[in-house]
Amino acid sequence: MAHNRNHLILNVAQVLIWACAMLLPAAMTWLISGDSHRFGFTFWPSFYMMLPICLVYLVNYFLLVPKLLFRKRIVWFIILNVILLALLNAPSFFPRGEIPEPLREHLQRRDILAFRIPTLISAAFFQLVFIFLAIGVRAILRSNDVQMQLQEERRKTAEAELTWLKHQLNPHFLFNTLNNISSLTQIDPDKAQESIGQLSDTLRYALYDTDADKVPLSGEVSFLDNYIRLMQLRCNELTEVKTSWELPAVDVKIAPLLFISPIENAFKHGINARMPSFVHIGLHPEGQDLVFDCENSVFEKSGEDHIGSGIGVENLHRRLELIYPKAYSYEQSEKDGVYSVRIVLKKILG
């Protein structure tokens, strides 16, 4: 809607500029001389001089360039422009009164043509300049339209991926968590009741509170903390899970569900029920930057699903690039059985 309105405003503005260009010489003459009779005397010559240029530009801008040139009908574009230039310049080829009649009688036809042709060529060349100007303006607008369409497609893709991420939380995460809570009801009813509350808060946040483009960091950290505590339900005493949340003095807003994929990967690939394992997660400010760290032991799954890969990680890279272009860093490494991820959101605390 806004895009069409901007195009309409630009089109109307161009027509008004051409109208002002035709009126300006006469208006200036009138203002300088103070003689209203000179307005019409100056207007008509300037009008007839500007009219062919104006028509060439507007016909190309509104019709020939978008309908023919941009649709690869180049031959028709050239033919119709040649016809247009011929029609506009034909009346001026032998204007009455330009060559005195006594002189005309002594000039041969070829001499008259030689007298007219330079003027005709100059006029046609000047009109060609405005044809190229119309092409240039249209090309710039077309490029802007393409960029806007790409941005809109990226925005829709990001929204679809965020929706996918929300739904990804639901089935497996919900199924496993409910199974764990079900087991707790007989062993530790109070712990089971607490976990049900955490699950309720987690799902409510993921499904409803993340509709905005940006969410308060404090709310996102509460969600992550609940999510991690629920993931801990399937861990035994061999697993060490540590979290460290250092929030900045002033609450800021970040993109929702941005750090879920690294945490999910950490629990998926870093936990082994029969061997000592760990997951360490932290968030802290560094100057004007916000730093997220996630470290875990590595127990690779069989098949092609390796840590640091998968749809969730690809989604994270796309969202970072779209939401924080040139304002983030993403580092991942694996050394001595420890896999690390660091995400830095730059200058969001300033």
Protein backbone atom coordinates (compact mmCIF):
# COMPACT_ATOMS: atom_id res chain seq x y z
CA MET A 1 0.00 0.00 0.00
CA ALA A 2 2.72 2.46 1.01
CA HIS A 3 4.79 1.34 -1.99
CA ASN A 4 1.96 2.19 -4.45
CA ARG A 5 1.37 5.51 -2.73
CA ASN A 6 5.03 6.47 -3.08
CA HIS A 7 4.92 5.62 -6.80
CA LEU A 8 1.79 7.73 -7.26
CA ILE A 9 3.37 10.68 -5.45
CA LEU A 10 6.51 10.40 -7.61
CA ASN A 11 4.49 10.24 -10.84
CA VAL A 12 2.38 13.27 -9.91
CA ALA A 13 5.53 15.14 -8.87
CA GLN A 14 7.16 14.52 -12.26
CA VAL A 15 4.12 15.83 -14.14
CA LEU A 16 4.09 18.93 -11.93
CA ILE A 17 7.82 19.49 -12.52
CA TRP A 18 7.29 19.43 -16.29
CA ALA A 19 4.34 21.82 -15.95
CA CYS A 20 6.49 24.18 -13.88
CA ALA A 21 9.31 23.95 -16.43
CA MET A 22 6.92 25.11 -19.17
CA LEU A 23 5.52 27.93 -17.06
CA LEU A 24 8.80 29.13 -15.51
CA PRO A 25 10.17 31.28 -18.41
CA ALA A 26 6.87 33.11 -18.83
CA ALA A 27 6.44 33.53 -15.08
CA MET A 28 9.96 34.92 -14.72
CA THR A 29 9.38 37.36 -17.58
CA TRP A 30 6.15 38.52 -15.99
CA LEU A 31 7.72 38.97 -12.55
CA ILE A 32 10.74 40.87 -13.91
CA SER A 33 8.86 43.12 -16.34
CA GLY A 34 5.60 43.44 -14.43
CA ASP A 35 3.80 43.33 -17.79
CA SER A 36 1.09 40.62 -17.82
CA HIS A 37 0.89 40.80 -21.63
CA ARG A 38 4.42 39.44 -21.86
CA PHE A 39 3.36 36.25 -20.05
CA GLY A 40 1.50 34.90 -23.07
CA PHE A 41 4.12 36.26 -25.45
CA THR A 42 6.83 34.25 -23.63
CA PHE A 43 4.72 31.23 -22.66
CA TRP A 44 3.81 29.91 -26.09
CA PRO A 45 7.33 29.80 -27.58
CA SER A 46 8.69 28.07 -24.47
CA PHE A 47 5.68 25.73 -24.43
CA TYR A 48 6.20 24.63 -28.05
CA MET A 49 9.91 24.20 -27.39
CA MET A 50 9.42 22.10 -24.24
CA LEU A 51 6.42 20.09 -25.41
CA PRO A 52 8.31 17.55 -27.59
CA ILE A 53 10.87 16.94 -24.84
CA CYS A 54 8.12 16.55 -22.25
CA LEU A 55 6.15 14.12 -24.42
CA VAL A 56 9.24 12.06 -25.22
CA TYR A 57 10.08 11.74 -21.54
CA LEU A 58 6.57 11.03 -20.25
CA VAL A 59 5.64 8.57 -23.01
CA ASN A 60 8.84 6.63 -22.38
CA TYR A 61 8.59 6.83 -18.61
CA PHE A 62 4.96 5.76 -18.31
CA LEU A 63 4.60 3.49 -21.35
CA LEU A 64 7.51 2.46 -23.55
CA VAL A 65 10.18 1.73 -20.92
CA PRO A 66 8.07 -0.36 -18.48
CA LYS A 67 5.88 -2.02 -21.15
CA LEU A 68 8.50 -2.71 -23.81
CA LEU A 69 12.11 -2.19 -22.77
CA PHE A 70 11.83 -3.94 -19.38
CA ARG A 71 9.93 -6.79 -21.01
CA LYS A 72 12.74 -7.39 -23.52
CA ARG A 73 10.74 -6.05 -26.49
CA ILE A 74 13.68 -3.93 -27.54
CA VAL A 75 12.91 -3.84 -31.28
CA TRP A 76 9.43 -2.46 -30.68
CA PHE A 77 10.84 0.00 -28.16
CA ILE A 78 13.25 1.37 -30.78
CA ILE A 79 10.66 1.42 -33.59
CA LEU A 80 8.05 3.27 -31.55
CA ASN A 81 10.61 5.79 -30.32
CA VAL A 82 11.74 6.45 -33.90
CA ILE A 83 8.10 7.00 -34.91
CA LEU A 84 7.55 9.24 -31.89
CA LEU A 85 10.60 11.38 -32.68
CA ALA A 86 9.59 11.60 -36.35
CA LEU A 87 6.06 12.75 -35.50
CA LEU A 88 7.25 15.31 -32.97
CA ASN A 89 9.92 16.79 -35.26
CA ALA A 90 8.03 16.66 -38.57
CA PRO A 91 6.15 19.95 -38.03
CA SER A 92 9.39 21.79 -37.39
CA PHE A 93 11.12 20.43 -40.49
CA PHE A 94 9.61 23.11 -42.73
CA PRO A 95 8.08 25.68 -40.38
CA ARG A 96 6.42 28.54 -42.16
CA GLY A 97 8.16 31.89 -42.05
CA GLU A 98 11.54 30.70 -40.84
CA ILE A 99 13.17 31.15 -44.29
CA PRO A 100 12.14 34.40 -46.02
CA GLU A 101 10.12 33.76 -49.17
CA PRO A 102 12.49 35.68 -51.54
CA LEU A 103 15.40 33.63 -50.20
CA ARG A 104 13.41 30.39 -50.46
CA GLU A 105 12.89 30.99 -54.20
CA HIS A 106 16.66 31.12 -54.81
CA LEU A 107 17.48 28.05 -52.67
CA GLN A 108 17.48 24.58 -54.09
CA ARG A 109 15.66 21.83 -52.23
CA ARG A 110 18.95 20.26 -51.15
CA ASP A 111 20.06 23.62 -49.75
CA ILE A 112 16.88 23.87 -47.70
CA LEU A 113 17.42 20.35 -46.38
CA ALA A 114 20.99 21.26 -45.48
CA PHE A 115 19.60 24.29 -43.66
CA ARG A 116 17.09 22.16 -41.68
CA ILE A 117 18.99 18.94 -40.97
CA PRO A 118 21.44 20.29 -38.32
CA THR A 119 18.54 21.78 -36.39
CA LEU A 120 16.61 18.54 -36.66
CA ILE A 121 19.58 16.46 -35.53
CA SER A 122 20.18 18.77 -32.55
CA ALA A 123 16.53 18.52 -31.50
CA ALA A 124 16.48 14.71 -31.89
CA PHE A 125 19.73 14.35 -29.93
CA PHE A 126 18.36 16.48 -27.11
CA GLN A 127 15.19 14.37 -27.05
CA LEU A 128 17.29 11.19 -26.97
CA VAL A 129 18.93 12.48 -23.82
CA PHE A 130 15.52 12.59 -22.16
CA ILE A 131 14.70 9.09 -23.41
CA PHE A 132 17.80 7.85 -21.62
CA LEU A 133 16.83 9.94 -18.60
CA ALA A 134 13.43 8.21 -18.50
CA ILE A 135 15.19 4.83 -18.77
CA GLY A 136 17.55 5.78 -15.92
CA VAL A 137 14.80 6.94 -13.59
CA ARG A 138 12.73 3.84 -14.32
CA ALA A 139 15.76 1.59 -13.79
CA ILE A 140 16.46 3.17 -10.38
CA LEU A 141 12.83 2.73 -9.35
CA ARG A 142 12.84 -0.84 -10.60
CA SER A 143 16.00 -1.59 -8.63
CA ASN A 144 14.44 -0.10 -5.50
CA ASP A 145 11.30 -2.17 -6.09
CA VAL A 146 13.38 -5.33 -6.39
CA GLN A 147 15.25 -4.51 -3.18
CA MET A 148 11.98 -3.86 -1.35
CA GLN A 149 10.56 -7.14 -2.63
CA LEU A 150 13.67 -9.00 -1.50
CA GLN A 151 13.46 -7.40 1.94
CA GLU A 152 9.77 -8.28 2.15
CA GLU A 153 10.50 -11.88 1.12
CA ARG A 154 13.27 -12.08 3.70
CA ARG A 155 10.95 -10.68 6.35
CA LYS A 156 8.27 -13.23 5.48
CA THR A 157 10.87 -15.99 5.48
CA ALA A 158 12.12 -14.90 8.89
CA GLU A 159 8.55 -14.82 10.23
CA ALA A 160 7.89 -18.29 8.79
CA GLU A 161 11.13 -19.60 10.29
CA LEU A 162 10.25 -18.08 13.66
CA THR A 163 6.85 -19.76 13.46
CA TRP A 164 8.61 -23.01 12.57
CA LEU A 165 10.92 -22.52 15.54
CA LYS A 166 7.95 -22.06 17.87
CA HIS A 167 6.30 -25.22 16.59
CA GLN A 168 9.60 -27.04 16.78
CA LEU A 169 9.58 -26.40 20.51
CA ASN A 170 6.18 -27.94 20.92
CA PRO A 171 6.12 -31.62 19.83
CA HIS A 172 9.42 -33.22 20.93
CA PHE A 173 10.17 -30.85 23.76
CA LEU A 174 6.62 -31.05 25.10
CA PHE A 175 6.45 -34.84 24.76
CA ASN A 176 9.74 -35.45 26.56
CA THR A 177 9.02 -32.89 29.27
CA LEU A 178 5.57 -34.32 30.01
CA ASN A 179 7.07 -37.80 30.26
CA ASN A 180 9.66 -36.52 32.73
CA ILE A 181 7.05 -34.68 34.77
CA SER A 182 4.86 -37.77 34.77
CA SER A 183 7.71 -39.75 36.28
CA LEU A 184 8.28 -37.04 38.89
CA THR A 185 4.68 -37.11 40.13
CA GLN A 186 5.35 -40.35 42.02
CA ILE A 187 8.93 -39.57 43.09
CA ASP A 188 8.78 -35.83 43.92
CA PRO A 189 5.27 -34.31 43.61
CA ASP A 190 6.48 -30.85 44.64
CA LYS A 191 9.17 -30.90 41.94
CA ALA A 192 6.60 -32.10 39.41
CA GLN A 193 4.27 -29.23 40.35
CA GLU A 194 7.13 -26.73 39.95
CA SER A 195 8.04 -28.22 36.55
CA ILE A 196 4.44 -27.93 35.36
CA GLY A 197 4.53 -24.21 36.19
CA GLN A 198 7.82 -23.81 34.33
CA LEU A 199 6.43 -25.66 31.33
CA SER A 200 3.34 -23.45 31.31
CA ASP A 201 5.46 -20.26 31.43
CA THR A 202 7.77 -21.58 28.70
CA LEU A 203 4.99 -22.48 26.27
CA ARG A 204 3.07 -19.26 26.95
CA TYR A 205 6.16 -17.20 26.18
CA ALA A 206 7.06 -19.18 23.05
CA LEU A 207 3.53 -19.12 21.63
CA TYR A 208 2.28 -15.66 22.58
CA ASP A 209 4.99 -13.32 23.89
CA THR A 210 7.27 -13.71 20.87
CA ASP A 211 4.88 -12.23 18.30
CA ALA A 212 6.78 -8.92 18.44
CA ASP A 213 9.95 -8.37 16.40
CA LYS A 214 11.89 -7.62 19.58
CA VAL A 215 11.23 -8.71 23.17
CA PRO A 216 12.68 -7.53 26.51
CA LEU A 217 15.95 -9.27 27.34
CA SER A 218 14.73 -10.01 30.87
CA GLY A 219 11.73 -11.93 29.50
CA GLU A 220 13.94 -13.86 27.08
CA VAL A 221 16.34 -14.83 29.89
CA SER A 222 13.45 -16.04 32.07
CA PHE A 223 12.26 -18.16 29.16
CA LEU A 224 15.76 -19.60 28.59
CA ASP A 225 16.14 -20.35 32.30
CA ASN A 226 12.81 -22.22 32.39
CA TYR A 227 13.68 -24.06 29.19
CA ILE A 228 17.06 -25.18 30.56
CA ARG A 229 15.53 -26.33 33.88
CA LEU A 230 13.01 -28.43 31.97
CA MET A 231 15.76 -29.90 29.80
CA GLN A 232 17.59 -30.83 33.01
CA LEU A 233 14.75 -33.16 33.96
CA ARG A 234 16.13 -35.78 31.58
CA CYS A 235 19.68 -35.44 32.90
CA ASN A 236 21.14 -37.64 35.64
CA GLU A 237 23.80 -37.00 38.29
CA LEU A 238 26.58 -37.46 35.71
CA THR A 239 25.56 -34.25 33.95
CA GLU A 240 26.63 -30.80 35.10
CA VAL A 241 24.45 -27.90 33.95
CA LYS A 242 25.50 -24.36 34.83
CA THR A 243 23.89 -21.07 33.86
CA SER A 244 25.15 -17.54 34.38
CA TRP A 245 22.88 -14.59 33.57
CA GLU A 246 24.41 -11.11 33.91
CA LEU A 247 21.83 -8.64 32.67
CA PRO A 248 22.74 -5.03 31.78
CA ALA A 249 21.57 -2.26 34.07
CA VAL A 250 19.02 -1.09 31.50
CA ASP A 251 16.74 -3.69 29.96
CA VAL A 252 17.08 -3.88 26.19
CA LYS A 253 15.13 -5.69 23.51
CA ILE A 254 16.42 -8.49 21.32
CA ALA A 255 14.99 -10.82 18.69
CA PRO A 256 12.98 -13.62 20.36
CA LEU A 257 14.11 -17.26 20.55
CA LEU A 258 17.54 -16.30 19.24
CA PHE A 259 19.59 -18.57 21.51
CA ILE A 260 17.38 -21.66 21.58
CA SER A 261 19.16 -23.53 18.78
CA PRO A 262 22.64 -23.54 20.45
CA ILE A 263 21.07 -24.62 23.77
CA GLU A 264 19.03 -27.33 22.10
CA ASN A 265 22.15 -28.59 20.29
CA ALA A 266 24.10 -28.53 23.55
CA PHE A 267 21.66 -30.84 25.29
CA LYS A 268 21.19 -32.98 22.19
CA HIS A 269 24.88 -33.59 21.49
CA GLY A 270 26.48 -32.84 24.86
CA ILE A 271 24.64 -35.22 27.20
CA ASN A 272 25.40 -38.89 27.76
CA ALA A 273 23.55 -40.83 30.43
CA ARG A 274 26.48 -43.21 30.98
CA MET A 275 29.40 -40.76 30.95
CA PRO A 276 30.27 -37.48 32.70
CA SER A 277 29.05 -34.54 30.60
CA PHE A 278 28.36 -30.87 31.00
CA VAL A 279 26.48 -27.89 29.55
CA HIS A 280 27.55 -24.36 30.51
CA ILE A 281 25.45 -21.42 29.32
CA GLY A 282 25.97 -17.75 30.02
CA LEU A 283 24.92 -14.26 28.97
CA HIS A 284 26.74 -11.07 29.90
CA PRO A 285 27.40 -7.52 28.67
CA GLU A 286 30.78 -6.42 27.33
CA GLY A 287 30.80 -2.67 26.88
CA GLN A 288 27.97 -1.97 24.45
CA ASP A 289 27.84 -5.60 23.26
CA LEU A 290 25.73 -8.47 24.51
CA VAL A 291 27.59 -11.81 24.61
CA PHE A 292 26.01 -15.27 24.69
CA ASP A 293 28.25 -18.28 25.42
CA CYS A 294 27.38 -21.95 25.31
CA GLU A 295 29.84 -24.79 25.99
CA ASN A 296 29.18 -28.49 26.19
CA SER A 297 30.87 -31.85 26.06
CA VAL A 298 30.53 -33.61 22.71
CA PHE A 299 28.85 -36.94 22.12
CA GLU A 300 28.06 -37.02 18.43
CA LYS A 301 24.91 -38.72 17.26
CA SER A 302 25.03 -41.31 14.53
CA GLY A 303 24.21 -40.38 10.95
CA GLU A 304 24.54 -36.95 9.36
CA ASP A 305 23.18 -34.97 12.30
CA HIS A 306 26.34 -33.40 13.70
CA ILE A 307 26.69 -30.70 16.32
CA GLY A 308 26.80 -27.23 14.82
CA SER A 309 24.67 -28.25 11.83
CA GLY A 310 21.01 -28.70 11.07
CA ILE A 311 17.97 -26.58 10.26
CA GLY A 312 18.01 -24.78 13.61
CA VAL A 313 21.57 -23.54 13.14
CA GLU A 314 20.88 -22.47 9.55
CA ASN A 315 17.79 -20.65 10.78
CA LEU A 316 19.87 -18.89 13.44
CA HIS A 317 22.41 -17.67 10.87
CA ARG A 318 19.67 -16.31 8.59
CA ARG A 319 17.89 -14.53 11.43
CA LEU A 320 21.12 -12.95 12.68
CA GLU A 321 21.98 -11.76 9.18
CA LEU A 322 18.50 -10.35 8.64
CA ILE A 323 17.90 -8.74 12.04
CA TYR A 324 21.47 -7.70 12.92
CA PRO A 325 23.24 -7.15 9.57
CA LYS A 326 26.93 -6.36 10.12
CA ALA A 327 26.17 -5.95 13.83
CA TYR A 328 26.82 -9.44 15.15
CA SER A 329 29.45 -12.14 15.26
CA TYR A 330 28.99 -15.90 15.44
CA GLU A 331 31.84 -18.20 16.42
CA GLN A 332 31.79 -21.95 16.92
CA SER A 333 34.64 -24.28 17.67
CA GLU A 334 35.39 -27.79 18.91
CA LYS A 335 38.58 -28.56 20.82
CA ASP A 336 39.55 -31.34 23.21
CA GLY A 337 36.03 -32.69 23.41
CA VAL A 338 34.47 -29.29 24.15
CA TYR A 339 32.14 -27.57 21.70
CA SER A 340 31.73 -23.80 22.07
CA VAL A 341 29.38 -21.24 20.57
CA ARG A 342 29.69 -17.50 21.07
CA ILE A 343 27.17 -14.99 19.70
CA VAL A 344 27.86 -11.29 20.08
CA LEU A 345 25.16 -8.69 19.40
CA LYS A 346 27.14 -5.52 18.83
CA LYS A 347 26.31 -2.08 20.19
CA ILE A 348 22.79 -2.91 21.33
CA LEU A 349 23.45 -1.69 24.88
CA GLY A 350 24.50 1.82 23.85
